[in-house]
Amino acid sequence: MDYFTTTSNAARRAVDCVIVGIYDRGKLGVAAADIDAASNGTLQRLYKRGDLSGQLGRCAVLNDLPGVRAPRVAVVGLGKVSKFSSRQFQRALAVALGTITQTRSKSVLNALTLETGDDASAYYLGRYTAQAVGDALYRFTEMKSGKKKPGPALRQVGLSIVKRGDAKRAMRGTEHGDAIVEGMNLAKDLGNLPPNVCTPSYIARTAQKLARKHKKITARVLNETEMKRLGMHSLLSVTAGTNEPAKLIVLQYKGTTGAKPVVLVGKGVTFDSGGISLKPPPGMDEMKFDMCGAAGVIGTLATVAKLNLPINVNVVVPAVENLPSGLATKPGDIVKSMSGKTIEILNTDAEGRLILCDALTYSRRFKPEVVIDVATLTGACVIALGHHRTAVMSNNDSLSADLISAGIAAEDRGWPMPIGEEWAVTLKSNFADLANMGTREGGAIIAGCFLAKFTDGMSWAHLDIAGTAWKSGKLKGASGRPVPMLSEFLLARCGALP
């Protein structure tokens, strides 16, 4: 996408479409007022007539307004002036771009950047714009047959700025936003592919392709024999019931010398039937999204590499299928993890923690600065937080705070949740060192407590993205989260934010 900045009045800019905003009760935004003046009060008349609305997210496209160079003006509702912030900015922009992509507009001017809101910087306005454009343009058509419909015509997006001094920061924002979009699109593509295509081997090949694309990334893929030699019997217990071979995917990005790496561990269950503890059929097709943790960390690394960030980042992805068969792991089986701890498997549908615990142990060899695991781990997390926020659990309050702050800045929000012995006590087993299940109450926290048992001595955080990794219903598909949160965290950590 080609981005530019301009201090020109909205009415004077020769683009295919200008996006302007109108608040509740008909108060015109900065650029809308300019359009209204140039067109002899057209916007005010249309609002009074009921053809325009200030309700947040309502949008109308007006054609050939007198005195306006752009043939189209998209007027989007911004809601109440007192509540307008970067979140409302993004929502309004997303609706406007969604409407515009249904037209043949090739160039657009986003004049919503002139609204003050919560004083979001020119950098973040540029970044939010690029991410909104990426979301609006994303299409997954790889599995469609026949002639594919042409995608949106949009090729150029401008940002209105108040002063020329904002141009550099705004363009830096679009550069970072574009890179985040690339990572999100990769994560979305992996999530949206069907499980008969996106197998553990497919994810491994995707990781190797990413390494070939970027010289600073090296890739290694461990097979089941190598994992067995390492003692990863907890991970291998999950893949026992399928013919698809498991893979342990290791990517290393070296952006600087002498610094300990940040290690991102992503759950990669490419299809989760629940194993012997079989899931109910309704909605089971969505279990292809159980590898969105893996997709998210690989996508984040793609963003890091595209921006050439001065930081070391390693990605570890345990990729498996979880299916029932005569060879599948049974409830009551006991396995030995790479750490040496034995685990009684009470429920084979609590499989994510079984692969992650071995991946976390493997991560110790990198002597990491911090380790962050990302997983669609528990349905209990969806019950707790819905589909709005990612659960953040950590043994390091500072790391947790950094991730929460990154989520706020990136508008990919998380919510801190506790871990502690009062929950972990339910993981006690009569026959092994611990069980893979505790009580139903506090299930998301108990899953985090299980993982914490394998992180002694490490600065570690756990992101449960079960509620945020994908959308169901009419908008069914992978969301690309938490690539924005993790990207913001890494940008801040290496001092790359303006």
Protein backbone atom coordinates (compact mmCIF):
# COMPACT_ATOMS: atom_id res chain seq x y z
CA MET A 1 0.00 0.00 0.00
CA ASP A 2 1.22 3.51 -0.87
CA TYR A 3 0.79 6.05 1.95
CA PHE A 4 1.17 9.83 1.95
CA THR A 5 0.45 12.77 4.24
CA THR A 6 -1.11 16.11 3.41
CA THR A 7 -1.93 19.40 5.08
CA SER A 8 -4.37 20.30 2.27
CA ASN A 9 -8.01 20.93 3.06
CA ALA A 10 -10.16 17.86 2.48
CA ALA A 11 -12.25 19.58 -0.19
CA ARG A 12 -9.20 20.39 -2.29
CA ARG A 13 -7.53 17.00 -2.40
CA ALA A 14 -7.88 15.11 -5.68
CA VAL A 15 -8.46 11.54 -4.48
CA ASP A 16 -11.21 9.07 -5.28
CA CYS A 17 -12.74 9.33 -1.82
CA VAL A 18 -12.36 11.44 1.32
CA ILE A 19 -13.31 10.07 4.75
CA VAL A 20 -14.77 12.64 7.13
CA GLY A 21 -16.65 12.36 10.39
CA ILE A 22 -19.78 13.69 12.01
CA TYR A 23 -20.47 13.54 15.73
CA ASP A 24 -23.65 12.99 17.67
CA ARG A 25 -26.21 15.81 17.33
CA GLY A 26 -24.79 16.85 13.99
CA LYS A 27 -21.51 18.41 15.09
CA LEU A 28 -19.21 18.24 12.10
CA GLY A 29 -15.64 17.03 12.41
CA VAL A 30 -12.77 19.22 11.20
CA ALA A 31 -12.66 17.89 7.64
CA ALA A 32 -16.45 17.50 7.47
CA ALA A 33 -16.81 21.20 8.26
CA ASP A 34 -14.45 22.00 5.38
CA ILE A 35 -16.45 19.78 3.01
CA ASP A 36 -19.68 21.37 4.23
CA ALA A 37 -18.39 24.90 3.63
CA ALA A 38 -17.10 24.02 0.15
CA SER A 39 -20.44 22.43 -0.81
CA ASN A 40 -22.64 25.25 0.53
CA GLY A 41 -23.89 23.41 3.62
CA THR A 42 -24.70 20.06 1.98
CA LEU A 43 -23.69 17.94 4.97
CA GLN A 44 -25.76 19.96 7.42
CA ARG A 45 -28.80 19.77 5.17
CA LEU A 46 -28.43 16.01 4.73
CA TYR A 47 -28.04 15.53 8.47
CA LYS A 48 -31.16 17.54 9.26
CA ARG A 49 -33.02 15.52 6.63
CA GLY A 50 -31.93 12.28 8.32
CA ASP A 51 -29.68 11.07 5.50
CA LEU A 52 -26.53 11.30 7.63
CA SER A 53 -26.01 10.02 11.17
CA GLY A 54 -23.57 10.80 13.94
CA GLN A 55 -24.06 7.36 15.46
CA LEU A 56 -20.70 5.62 15.80
CA GLY A 57 -20.13 3.30 12.85
CA ARG A 58 -22.90 4.55 10.56
CA CYS A 59 -21.53 5.48 7.14
CA ALA A 60 -22.86 7.01 3.93
CA VAL A 61 -20.99 7.69 0.69
CA LEU A 62 -21.95 10.95 -1.08
CA ASN A 63 -21.18 11.46 -4.74
CA ASP A 64 -20.14 14.54 -6.73
CA LEU A 65 -20.57 17.21 -4.06
CA PRO A 66 -20.25 20.73 -5.48
CA GLY A 67 -16.97 22.43 -4.60
CA VAL A 68 -15.27 19.16 -3.63
CA ARG A 69 -12.55 17.71 -5.88
CA ALA A 70 -13.02 14.10 -4.72
CA PRO A 71 -15.92 12.38 -6.51
CA ARG A 72 -16.87 10.54 -3.30
CA VAL A 73 -17.09 11.61 0.32
CA ALA A 74 -17.58 8.94 2.98
CA VAL A 75 -19.29 10.47 6.01
CA VAL A 76 -18.98 8.23 9.06
CA GLY A 77 -20.55 8.63 12.49
CA LEU A 78 -18.12 9.30 15.34
CA GLY A 79 -20.49 9.12 18.31
CA LYS A 80 -20.30 11.57 21.20
CA VAL A 81 -17.54 14.18 21.14
CA SER A 82 -16.74 13.56 24.80
CA LYS A 83 -16.18 9.84 24.20
CA PHE A 84 -14.21 10.02 20.98
CA SER A 85 -10.81 8.35 21.35
CA SER A 86 -8.41 6.17 19.41
CA ARG A 87 -10.78 3.21 19.86
CA GLN A 88 -13.69 5.13 18.30
CA PHE A 89 -11.30 6.38 15.60
CA GLN A 90 -10.42 2.81 14.66
CA ARG A 91 -14.02 1.60 14.69
CA ALA A 92 -15.24 4.48 12.54
CA LEU A 93 -12.33 4.09 10.12
CA ALA A 94 -12.92 0.35 9.81
CA VAL A 95 -16.57 0.90 8.88
CA ALA A 96 -15.69 3.65 6.38
CA LEU A 97 -13.00 1.54 4.70
CA GLY A 98 -15.33 -1.46 4.58
CA THR A 99 -17.86 0.69 2.73
CA ILE A 100 -15.27 2.25 0.42
CA THR A 101 -13.80 -1.11 -0.62
CA GLN A 102 -17.20 -1.90 -2.14
CA THR A 103 -16.60 0.96 -4.59
CA ARG A 104 -13.92 1.29 -7.25
CA SER A 105 -11.95 3.87 -5.27
CA LYS A 106 -8.22 3.53 -5.83
CA SER A 107 -7.12 6.40 -3.59
CA VAL A 108 -8.53 7.52 -0.25
CA LEU A 109 -7.79 10.39 2.12
CA ASN A 110 -8.32 9.59 5.79
CA ALA A 111 -9.24 12.94 7.29
CA LEU A 112 -10.41 11.42 10.57
CA THR A 113 -6.82 11.87 11.75
CA LEU A 114 -7.65 15.56 12.31
CA GLU A 115 -9.99 14.71 15.17
CA THR A 116 -8.20 15.26 18.48
CA GLY A 117 -9.84 12.46 20.49
CA ASP A 118 -7.50 11.36 23.29
CA ASP A 119 -4.55 13.09 21.60
CA ALA A 120 -3.25 9.93 19.96
CA SER A 121 0.09 10.73 18.39
CA ALA A 122 0.62 11.07 14.65
CA TYR A 123 2.61 7.82 14.84
CA TYR A 124 -0.26 5.77 16.25
CA LEU A 125 -2.83 7.39 13.97
CA GLY A 126 -0.66 6.34 11.03
CA ARG A 127 -0.26 2.85 12.45
CA TYR A 128 -3.96 2.41 13.21
CA THR A 129 -4.76 3.58 9.70
CA ALA A 130 -2.44 1.03 8.10
CA GLN A 131 -3.87 -1.77 10.23
CA ALA A 132 -7.45 -0.74 9.43
CA VAL A 133 -6.58 -0.73 5.73
CA GLY A 134 -5.02 -4.18 6.09
CA ASP A 135 -8.13 -5.55 7.76
CA ALA A 136 -10.40 -4.01 5.11
CA LEU A 137 -8.37 -5.46 2.25
CA TYR A 138 -7.82 -8.95 3.66
CA ARG A 139 -9.53 -11.73 1.75
CA PHE A 140 -9.11 -15.49 2.14
CA THR A 141 -9.96 -17.07 -1.19
CA GLU A 142 -7.27 -19.73 -1.48
CA MET A 143 -9.71 -22.61 -1.19
CA LYS A 144 -12.34 -21.16 -3.55
CA SER A 145 -12.77 -22.76 -6.96
CA GLY A 146 -13.59 -21.08 -10.24
CA LYS A 147 -12.85 -17.52 -11.21
CA LYS A 148 -12.07 -15.42 -8.17
CA LYS A 149 -13.69 -12.04 -7.72
CA PRO A 150 -11.26 -9.15 -8.06
CA GLY A 151 -10.14 -7.69 -4.75
CA PRO A 152 -10.66 -4.08 -3.66
CA ALA A 153 -9.20 -1.48 -6.00
CA LEU A 154 -7.65 0.58 -3.18
CA ARG A 155 -3.97 1.29 -3.79
CA GLN A 156 -3.19 4.62 -2.12
CA VAL A 157 -4.15 6.05 1.29
CA GLY A 158 -3.47 9.53 2.55
CA LEU A 159 -3.48 10.90 6.09
CA SER A 160 -4.52 14.45 6.85
CA ILE A 161 -2.14 16.11 9.31
CA VAL A 162 -2.29 19.48 11.05
CA LYS A 163 1.36 20.44 10.61
CA ARG A 164 4.15 19.20 8.39
CA GLY A 165 6.21 18.23 11.42
CA ASP A 166 3.80 15.34 12.00
CA ALA A 167 4.50 13.80 8.60
CA LYS A 168 7.60 11.80 9.56
CA ARG A 169 5.95 10.28 12.64
CA ALA A 170 2.77 9.46 10.74
CA MET A 171 4.71 7.75 7.96
CA ARG A 172 6.73 5.82 10.54
CA GLY A 173 3.41 4.66 11.93
CA THR A 174 2.22 3.44 8.54
CA GLU A 175 5.52 1.59 8.04
CA HIS A 176 5.11 -0.23 11.35
CA GLY A 177 1.42 -0.76 10.72
CA ASP A 178 2.11 -2.30 7.31
CA ALA A 179 4.59 -4.73 8.87
CA ILE A 180 2.08 -5.67 11.57
CA VAL A 181 -0.52 -6.25 8.85
CA GLU A 182 1.90 -8.59 7.08
CA GLY A 183 2.31 -10.59 10.28
CA MET A 184 -1.43 -10.59 10.97
CA ASN A 185 -2.22 -11.71 7.42
CA LEU A 186 0.21 -14.62 7.74
CA ALA A 187 -1.43 -15.58 11.05
CA LYS A 188 -4.90 -15.27 9.53
CA ASP A 189 -3.98 -17.37 6.50
CA LEU A 190 -2.61 -20.17 8.67
CA GLY A 191 -5.66 -20.08 10.90
CA ASN A 192 -8.16 -20.01 8.06
CA LEU A 193 -6.68 -22.91 6.12
CA PRO A 194 -8.52 -26.22 6.62
CA PRO A 195 -6.87 -28.81 8.88
CA ASN A 196 -6.31 -31.23 6.01
CA VAL A 197 -4.02 -28.59 4.48
CA CYS A 198 -2.59 -26.78 7.50
CA THR A 199 -0.95 -29.78 9.16
CA PRO A 200 2.10 -29.69 11.46
CA SER A 201 4.24 -30.33 8.38
CA TYR A 202 2.61 -27.40 6.57
CA ILE A 203 3.35 -25.04 9.45
CA ALA A 204 6.94 -26.29 9.45
CA ARG A 205 7.28 -25.58 5.74
CA THR A 206 5.80 -22.11 6.26
CA ALA A 207 8.38 -21.42 8.98
CA GLN A 208 11.21 -22.60 6.72
CA LYS A 209 9.91 -20.39 3.91
CA LEU A 210 9.96 -17.40 6.28
CA ALA A 211 13.59 -18.19 7.14
CA ARG A 212 14.54 -18.33 3.47
CA LYS A 213 12.91 -14.93 2.96
CA HIS A 214 14.81 -13.23 5.80
CA LYS A 215 18.55 -13.74 6.21
CA LYS A 216 18.43 -12.99 9.93
CA ILE A 217 16.11 -15.95 10.59
CA THR A 218 17.29 -19.53 10.89
CA ALA A 219 14.91 -22.48 11.08
CA ARG A 220 15.16 -25.94 12.56
CA VAL A 221 12.41 -28.56 12.56
CA LEU A 222 12.65 -31.47 14.98
CA ASN A 223 10.87 -34.72 14.15
CA GLU A 224 9.27 -37.20 16.54
CA THR A 225 12.43 -39.30 16.86
CA GLU A 226 14.41 -36.25 17.95
CA MET A 227 11.66 -35.23 20.37
CA LYS A 228 11.59 -38.71 21.86
CA ARG A 229 15.35 -38.54 22.33
CA LEU A 230 14.88 -35.26 24.23
CA GLY A 231 12.30 -36.85 26.50
CA MET A 232 9.28 -34.91 25.21
CA HIS A 233 6.84 -37.66 26.09
CA SER A 234 4.18 -35.19 27.25
CA LEU A 235 4.11 -33.57 23.81
CA LEU A 236 4.23 -36.91 22.01
CA SER A 237 1.31 -38.25 24.05
CA VAL A 238 -0.97 -35.78 22.27
CA THR A 239 0.04 -36.92 18.80
CA ALA A 240 -0.17 -40.66 19.56
CA GLY A 241 -3.61 -41.08 17.99
CA THR A 242 -2.90 -39.58 14.56
CA ASN A 243 -0.90 -40.53 11.50
CA GLU A 244 0.21 -36.90 11.05
CA PRO A 245 3.75 -36.58 12.40
CA ALA A 246 4.33 -33.94 15.07
CA LYS A 247 6.92 -31.20 14.54
CA LEU A 248 8.83 -28.99 16.92
CA ILE A 249 9.53 -25.83 14.95
CA VAL A 250 12.33 -23.53 16.10
CA LEU A 251 12.96 -20.13 14.51
CA GLN A 252 15.75 -17.79 15.62
CA TYR A 253 15.91 -14.14 14.60
CA LYS A 254 19.20 -12.41 15.40
CA GLY A 255 18.79 -8.65 15.23
CA THR A 256 21.58 -7.72 17.63
CA THR A 257 24.62 -9.22 19.31
CA GLY A 258 25.16 -10.17 22.91
CA ALA A 259 21.54 -9.82 24.06
CA LYS A 260 19.47 -12.63 25.49
CA PRO A 261 16.47 -13.49 23.29
CA VAL A 262 12.80 -13.04 23.87
CA VAL A 263 11.29 -16.50 23.31
CA LEU A 264 7.75 -16.81 21.98
CA VAL A 265 6.14 -20.23 22.34
CA GLY A 266 3.00 -20.88 20.29
CA LYS A 267 0.50 -23.71 20.68
CA GLY A 268 0.16 -25.46 17.33
CA VAL A 269 -2.66 -27.99 17.54
CA THR A 270 -3.71 -28.01 13.89
CA PHE A 271 -6.90 -29.88 14.74
CA ASP A 272 -8.23 -30.73 18.16
CA SER A 273 -10.93 -33.38 18.32
CA GLY A 274 -10.35 -33.73 22.06
CA GLY A 275 -8.79 -37.14 21.53
CA ILE A 276 -10.41 -39.94 23.55
CA SER A 277 -12.15 -37.19 25.57
CA LEU A 278 -14.00 -36.37 22.36
CA LYS A 279 -15.53 -32.93 21.93
CA PRO A 280 -19.24 -32.59 21.03
CA PRO A 281 -19.80 -32.24 17.26
CA PRO A 282 -21.33 -28.72 17.16
CA GLY A 283 -18.58 -26.23 16.42
CA MET A 284 -15.85 -28.84 16.19
CA ASP A 285 -14.89 -27.49 12.77
CA GLU A 286 -13.60 -24.39 14.57
CA MET A 287 -10.97 -26.52 16.26
CA LYS A 288 -8.81 -25.92 13.19
CA PHE A 289 -8.13 -22.58 14.91
CA ASP A 290 -6.41 -24.33 17.82
CA MET A 291 -3.09 -23.52 16.20
CA CYS A 292 -3.62 -19.75 16.29
CA GLY A 293 -1.02 -19.41 19.04
CA ALA A 294 1.54 -20.86 16.65
CA ALA A 295 0.24 -18.67 13.84
CA GLY A 296 0.43 -15.61 16.07
CA VAL A 297 4.06 -16.06 17.12
CA ILE A 298 5.20 -16.90 13.58
CA GLY A 299 3.30 -13.86 12.31
CA THR A 300 4.93 -11.69 14.97
CA LEU A 301 8.36 -12.88 13.88
CA ALA A 302 7.47 -11.95 10.28
CA THR A 303 6.72 -8.43 11.52
CA VAL A 304 9.99 -8.25 13.46
CA ALA A 305 12.00 -9.39 10.44
CA LYS A 306 10.25 -7.01 8.03
CA LEU A 307 11.11 -4.09 10.33
CA ASN A 308 14.65 -5.38 10.90
CA LEU A 309 14.30 -4.73 14.63
CA PRO A 310 17.46 -4.67 16.78
CA ILE A 311 16.37 -7.49 19.08
CA ASN A 312 16.84 -11.24 19.32
CA VAL A 313 13.61 -13.23 19.12
CA ASN A 314 13.22 -17.00 19.10
CA VAL A 315 10.00 -18.83 18.27
CA VAL A 316 9.23 -22.35 19.45
CA VAL A 317 6.14 -24.08 18.05
CA PRO A 318 5.05 -27.57 19.12
CA ALA A 319 2.79 -28.60 16.22
CA VAL A 320 0.51 -31.64 16.53
CA GLU A 321 -2.89 -33.13 15.75
CA ASN A 322 -5.09 -34.48 18.54
CA LEU A 323 -7.23 -37.38 17.26
CA PRO A 324 -8.71 -40.56 18.78
CA SER A 325 -7.60 -44.01 17.65
CA GLY A 326 -6.55 -47.35 19.05
CA LEU A 327 -3.12 -45.86 19.73
CA ALA A 328 -4.35 -42.63 21.29
CA THR A 329 -3.46 -41.59 24.82
CA LYS A 330 -6.17 -42.58 27.32
CA PRO A 331 -7.51 -40.77 30.38
CA GLY A 332 -5.55 -42.18 33.29
CA ASP A 333 -2.29 -42.60 31.35
CA ILE A 334 0.84 -41.17 32.97
CA VAL A 335 3.61 -39.62 30.87
CA LYS A 336 7.00 -38.14 31.67
CA SER A 337 7.68 -34.61 30.46
CA MET A 338 11.01 -33.28 29.21
CA SER A 339 11.48 -31.60 32.60
CA GLY A 340 11.33 -34.98 34.34
CA LYS A 341 7.96 -34.29 35.96
CA THR A 342 5.35 -37.00 35.51
CA ILE A 343 1.82 -36.05 34.46
CA GLU A 344 -1.40 -37.97 34.97
CA ILE A 345 -3.64 -37.28 31.98
CA LEU A 346 -7.17 -37.00 33.31
CA ASN A 347 -8.60 -35.45 30.15
CA THR A 348 -7.07 -35.75 26.68
CA ASP A 349 -8.85 -32.55 25.66
CA ALA A 350 -6.54 -30.62 27.99
CA GLU A 351 -3.81 -31.22 25.43
CA GLY A 352 -2.43 -27.73 24.84
CA ARG A 353 -0.68 -27.61 28.20
CA LEU A 354 0.86 -31.03 27.50
CA ILE A 355 2.67 -29.80 24.41
CA LEU A 356 3.48 -26.37 25.83
CA CYS A 357 5.15 -27.69 28.97
CA ASP A 358 7.76 -29.54 26.90
CA ALA A 359 8.20 -26.54 24.59
CA LEU A 360 8.75 -24.28 27.63
CA THR A 361 11.36 -26.69 28.97
CA TYR A 362 13.06 -26.77 25.57
CA SER A 363 13.15 -22.95 25.59
CA ARG A 364 15.49 -22.96 28.59
CA ARG A 365 18.42 -23.84 26.33
CA PHE A 366 18.28 -20.33 24.84
CA LYS A 367 18.80 -18.70 28.27
CA PRO A 368 15.97 -16.28 27.46
CA GLU A 369 15.43 -12.81 28.82
CA VAL A 370 11.71 -13.55 28.90
CA VAL A 371 9.46 -16.35 27.67
CA ILE A 372 5.90 -15.71 26.49
CA ASP A 373 3.63 -18.57 25.51
CA VAL A 374 0.57 -17.92 23.36
CA ALA A 375 -2.26 -20.43 23.22
CA THR A 376 -5.94 -20.97 22.54
CA LEU A 377 -5.78 -22.85 25.80
CA THR A 378 -9.13 -22.92 27.59
CA GLY A 379 -12.82 -22.49 26.94
CA ALA A 380 -12.92 -21.21 30.51
CA CYS A 381 -11.06 -18.11 29.35
CA VAL A 382 -13.88 -17.35 26.91
CA ILE A 383 -16.37 -17.67 29.75
CA ALA A 384 -14.28 -15.28 31.86
CA LEU A 385 -13.41 -12.60 29.31
CA GLY A 386 -15.61 -13.21 26.28
CA HIS A 387 -14.11 -12.46 22.89
CA HIS A 388 -12.74 -9.04 23.75
CA ARG A 389 -9.55 -9.41 25.76
CA THR A 390 -6.64 -11.81 25.96
CA ALA A 391 -5.91 -13.26 29.39
CA VAL A 392 -2.43 -12.38 30.69
CA MET A 393 -0.87 -14.48 33.47
CA SER A 394 2.72 -14.17 34.63
CA ASN A 395 5.22 -14.91 37.38
CA ASN A 396 6.67 -11.43 36.80
CA ASP A 397 4.50 -8.40 37.56
CA SER A 398 6.68 -6.09 35.46
CA LEU A 399 6.41 -8.36 32.41
CA SER A 400 2.65 -8.63 32.86
CA ALA A 401 2.36 -4.83 33.10
CA ASP A 402 4.45 -4.40 29.94
CA LEU A 403 2.18 -6.76 28.00
CA ILE A 404 -0.98 -5.05 29.28
CA SER A 405 0.45 -1.64 28.32
CA ALA A 406 1.44 -2.97 24.88
CA GLY A 407 -2.11 -4.24 24.37
CA ILE A 408 -3.57 -0.85 25.24
CA ALA A 409 -1.24 1.02 22.90
CA ALA A 410 -1.82 -1.47 20.07
CA GLU A 411 -5.60 -1.62 20.70
CA ASP A 412 -5.19 -5.38 21.09
CA ARG A 413 -6.07 -5.46 24.74
CA GLY A 414 -5.30 -7.97 27.44
CA TRP A 415 -6.52 -8.43 30.99
CA PRO A 416 -4.35 -9.50 33.95
CA MET A 417 -5.38 -12.71 35.68
CA PRO A 418 -3.78 -14.30 38.75
CA ILE A 419 -1.91 -17.53 39.29
CA GLY A 420 -1.10 -19.05 42.66
CA GLU A 421 -1.02 -22.13 44.84
CA GLU A 422 -4.65 -21.72 45.89
CA TRP A 423 -5.53 -22.74 42.31
CA ALA A 424 -2.53 -24.98 41.62
CA VAL A 425 -3.41 -27.25 44.54
CA THR A 426 -6.20 -28.75 42.43
CA LEU A 427 -3.56 -30.18 40.06
CA LYS A 428 -2.37 -32.70 42.66
CA SER A 429 -2.40 -36.32 41.59
CA ASN A 430 -2.38 -39.50 43.69
CA PHE A 431 -0.25 -41.27 41.10
CA ALA A 432 2.00 -38.70 39.38
CA ASP A 433 3.75 -35.41 40.11
CA LEU A 434 0.73 -33.52 38.85
CA ALA A 435 -2.46 -33.95 36.82
CA ASN A 436 -3.26 -32.12 33.61
CA MET A 437 -6.65 -31.03 34.95
CA GLY A 438 -7.91 -29.39 38.10
CA THR A 439 -11.37 -28.26 39.10
CA ARG A 440 -13.74 -26.68 36.62
CA GLU A 441 -13.91 -23.46 38.61
CA GLY A 442 -11.09 -21.11 37.60
CA GLY A 443 -10.18 -23.37 34.70
CA ALA A 444 -8.22 -20.76 32.74
CA ILE A 445 -6.17 -19.87 35.83
CA ILE A 446 -5.53 -23.51 36.68
CA ALA A 447 -4.23 -24.10 33.14
CA GLY A 448 -1.85 -21.19 33.65
CA CYS A 449 -0.78 -22.68 37.00
CA PHE A 450 0.01 -25.96 35.25
CA LEU A 451 2.35 -24.17 32.82
CA ALA A 452 3.90 -22.19 35.66
CA LYS A 453 5.14 -25.49 37.13
CA PHE A 454 7.60 -25.65 34.20
CA THR A 455 8.88 -22.06 34.37
CA ASP A 456 10.84 -21.92 37.63
CA GLY A 457 13.70 -19.46 37.28
CA MET A 458 12.34 -17.95 34.06
CA SER A 459 10.61 -14.62 33.55
CA TRP A 460 7.46 -15.98 31.95
CA ALA A 461 4.03 -14.88 30.79
CA HIS A 462 1.10 -16.82 29.39
CA LEU A 463 -1.41 -15.37 26.92
CA ASP A 464 -4.68 -17.30 26.63
CA ILE A 465 -6.16 -16.20 23.30
CA ALA A 466 -9.04 -18.68 23.22
CA GLY A 467 -11.55 -15.83 23.06
CA THR A 468 -9.64 -13.46 20.77
CA ALA A 469 -7.91 -15.64 18.17
CA TRP A 470 -10.93 -16.05 15.88
CA LYS A 471 -14.44 -14.90 15.21
CA SER A 472 -17.46 -17.15 14.79
CA GLY A 473 -20.71 -16.71 12.91
CA LYS A 474 -21.02 -14.60 9.79
CA LEU A 475 -17.52 -13.14 10.27
CA LYS A 476 -15.99 -16.55 10.94
CA GLY A 477 -12.24 -16.51 10.58
CA ALA A 478 -8.93 -15.94 12.31
CA SER A 479 -8.41 -12.48 13.81
CA GLY A 480 -4.62 -12.22 13.63
CA ARG A 481 -4.45 -11.42 17.34
CA PRO A 482 -2.21 -11.09 19.35
CA VAL A 483 0.28 -10.02 16.65
CA PRO A 484 -0.37 -6.29 17.35
CA MET A 485 0.14 -6.70 21.12
CA LEU A 486 3.32 -8.75 20.76
CA SER A 487 4.69 -6.44 18.05
CA GLU A 488 4.11 -3.40 20.27
CA PHE A 489 5.79 -5.20 23.17
CA LEU A 490 8.87 -5.96 21.07
CA LEU A 491 8.97 -2.49 19.47
CA ALA A 492 8.97 -0.94 22.92
CA ARG A 493 11.50 -3.40 24.29
CA CYS A 494 14.10 -2.62 21.64
CA GLY A 495 13.47 1.13 21.64
CA ALA A 496 12.06 1.24 18.12
CA LEU A 497 9.01 3.38 18.98
CA PRO A 498 9.30 7.06 18.03
